[in-house]
C-alpha atoms as a PDB file:
ATOM      1  CA  UNK A   1     121.830 105.249 101.281  1.00  0.00           C
ATOM      2  CA  UNK A   2     119.582 105.998 104.732  1.00  0.00           C
ATOM      3  CA  UNK A   3     115.754 105.588 104.246  1.00  0.00           C
ATOM      4  CA  UNK A   4     114.656 109.017 105.103  1.00  0.00           C
ATOM      5  CA  UNK A   5     112.475 111.454 102.540  1.00  0.00           C
ATOM      6  CA  UNK A   6     114.211 114.406 102.042  1.00  0.00           C
ATOM      7  CA  UNK A   7     111.149 116.663 101.984  1.00  0.00           C
ATOM      8  CA  UNK A   8     109.096 115.545 104.524  1.00  0.00           C
ATOM      9  CA  UNK A   9     111.672 113.750 107.060  1.00  0.00           C
ATOM     10  CA  UNK A  10     109.588 110.676 107.075  1.00  0.00           C
ATOM     11  CA  UNK A  11     111.881 107.758 108.180  1.00  0.00           C
ATOM     12  CA  UNK A  12     111.415 103.918 109.198  1.00  0.00           C
ATOM     13  CA  UNK A  13     109.511 103.326 112.266  1.00  0.00           C
ATOM     14  CA  UNK A  14     109.274  99.830 114.092  1.00  0.00           C
ATOM     15  CA  UNK A  15     106.584  97.802 115.140  1.00  0.00           C
ATOM     16  CA  UNK A  16     105.033  94.074 115.395  1.00  0.00           C
ATOM     17  CA  UNK A  17     104.210  91.155 113.020  1.00  0.00           C
ATOM     18  CA  UNK A  18     101.319  89.429 114.624  1.00  0.00           C
ATOM     19  CA  UNK A  19      99.823  85.939 113.988  1.00  0.00           C
ATOM     20  CA  UNK A  20      97.247  84.381 114.137  1.00  0.00           C
ATOM     21  CA  UNK A  21      98.038  82.861 117.433  1.00  0.00           C
ATOM     22  CA  UNK A  22      98.822  86.047 118.436  1.00  0.00           C
ATOM     23  CA  UNK A  23     102.450  85.667 118.861  1.00  0.00           C
ATOM     24  CA  UNK A  24     104.412  89.177 117.850  1.00  0.00           C
ATOM     25  CA  UNK A  25     107.938  89.893 116.374  1.00  0.00           C
ATOM     26  CA  UNK A  26     109.586  93.082 116.004  1.00  0.00           C
ATOM     27  CA  UNK A  27     109.274  94.277 112.040  1.00  0.00           C
ATOM     28  CA  UNK A  28     110.125  97.546 110.284  1.00  0.00           C
ATOM     29  CA  UNK A  29     107.744  99.442 108.440  1.00  0.00           C
ATOM     30  CA  UNK A  30     109.885 101.586 105.561  1.00  0.00           C
ATOM     31  CA  UNK A  31     109.064 104.846 104.281  1.00  0.00           C
ATOM     32  CA  UNK A  32     107.585 104.419 100.168  1.00  0.00           C
ATOM     33  CA  UNK A  33     110.502 106.113  98.828  1.00  0.00           C
ATOM     34  CA  UNK A  34     111.440 107.174  94.870  1.00  0.00           C
ATOM     35  CA  UNK A  35     114.412 108.604  93.421  1.00  0.00           C
ATOM     36  CA  UNK A  36     113.261 111.732  91.290  1.00  0.00           C
ATOM     37  CA  UNK A  37     114.835 114.421  88.792  1.00  0.00           C
ATOM     38  CA  UNK A  38     113.152 117.958  89.117  1.00  0.00           C
ATOM     39  CA  UNK A  39     114.049 120.815  86.858  1.00  0.00           C
ATOM     40  CA  UNK A  40     114.197 123.954  88.575  1.00  0.00           C
ATOM     41  CA  UNK A  41     113.742 126.720  86.120  1.00  0.00           C
ATOM     42  CA  UNK A  42     114.703 129.735  87.927  1.00  0.00           C
ATOM     43  CA  UNK A  43     118.201 127.987  88.371  1.00  0.00           C
ATOM     44  CA  UNK A  44     118.037 126.276  85.304  1.00  0.00           C
ATOM     45  CA  UNK A  45     119.496 123.226  86.691  1.00  0.00           C
ATOM     46  CA  UNK A  46     118.343 119.401  87.051  1.00  0.00           C
ATOM     47  CA  UNK A  47     118.440 118.447  90.871  1.00  0.00           C
ATOM     48  CA  UNK A  48     118.034 114.633  92.043  1.00  0.00           C
ATOM     49  CA  UNK A  49     116.024 114.248  95.497  1.00  0.00           C
ATOM     50  CA  UNK A  50     115.088 111.128  97.241  1.00  0.00           C
ATOM     51  CA  UNK A  51     111.204 111.266  98.739  1.00  0.00           C
ATOM     52  CA  UNK A  52     108.455 109.709  99.639  1.00  0.00           C
ATOM     53  CA  UNK A  53     105.251 109.388  97.333  1.00  0.00           C
ATOM     54  CA  UNK A  54     103.107 111.597  99.633  1.00  0.00           C
ATOM     55  CA  UNK A  55     105.980 114.208  99.297  1.00  0.00           C
ATOM     56  CA  UNK A  56     105.719 113.773  95.266  1.00  0.00           C
ATOM     57  CA  UNK A  57     102.074 114.594  95.393  1.00  0.00           C
ATOM     58  CA  UNK A  58     103.216 117.830  97.428  1.00  0.00           C
ATOM     59  CA  UNK A  59     105.557 118.860  94.710  1.00  0.00           C
ATOM     60  CA  UNK A  60     102.888 118.300  92.186  1.00  0.00           C
ATOM     61  CA  UNK A  61     100.682 120.755  94.387  1.00  0.00           C
ATOM     62  CA  UNK A  62     102.604 123.217  95.430  1.00  0.00           C
ATOM     63  CA  UNK A  63     105.481 122.927  92.644  1.00  0.00           C
ATOM     64  CA  UNK A  64     108.921 122.413  93.262  1.00  0.00           C
ATOM     65  CA  UNK A  65     109.787 125.965  93.674  1.00  0.00           C
ATOM     66  CA  UNK A  66     107.632 126.320  96.669  1.00  0.00           C
ATOM     67  CA  UNK A  67     108.836 122.855  98.136  1.00  0.00           C
ATOM     68  CA  UNK A  68     112.708 123.726  97.879  1.00  0.00           C
ATOM     69  CA  UNK A  69     111.778 127.128  99.866  1.00  0.00           C
ATOM     70  CA  UNK A  70     110.351 124.552 102.636  1.00  0.00           C
ATOM     71  CA  UNK A  71     113.117 122.310 102.823  1.00  0.00           C
ATOM     72  CA  UNK A  72     115.334 125.054 103.123  1.00  0.00           C
ATOM     73  CA  UNK A  73     113.552 126.854 105.494  1.00  0.00           C
ATOM     74  CA  UNK A  74     113.679 123.483 107.811  1.00  0.00           C
ATOM     75  CA  UNK A  75     117.410 122.525 107.332  1.00  0.00           C
ATOM     76  CA  UNK A  76     116.899 119.145 105.744  1.00  0.00           C
ATOM     77  CA  UNK A  77     118.521 119.529 102.547  1.00  0.00           C
END
């Protein structure tokens, strides 16, 4: 399973570990992803989405129906 948020499209990025002696080694910064089930009352169905915790806050703010409309508009899901 890829480490990509299905709502925002966030994915892993790369950077450096920097030691005290200022040596640099490559590393990955993964997004904070959770798998969550949501109930859609308009369609009377449960869906499972893998999303970042910041996207979860967005869903709490705008609602799952509006979030799904935005996903469909972007063409991500």
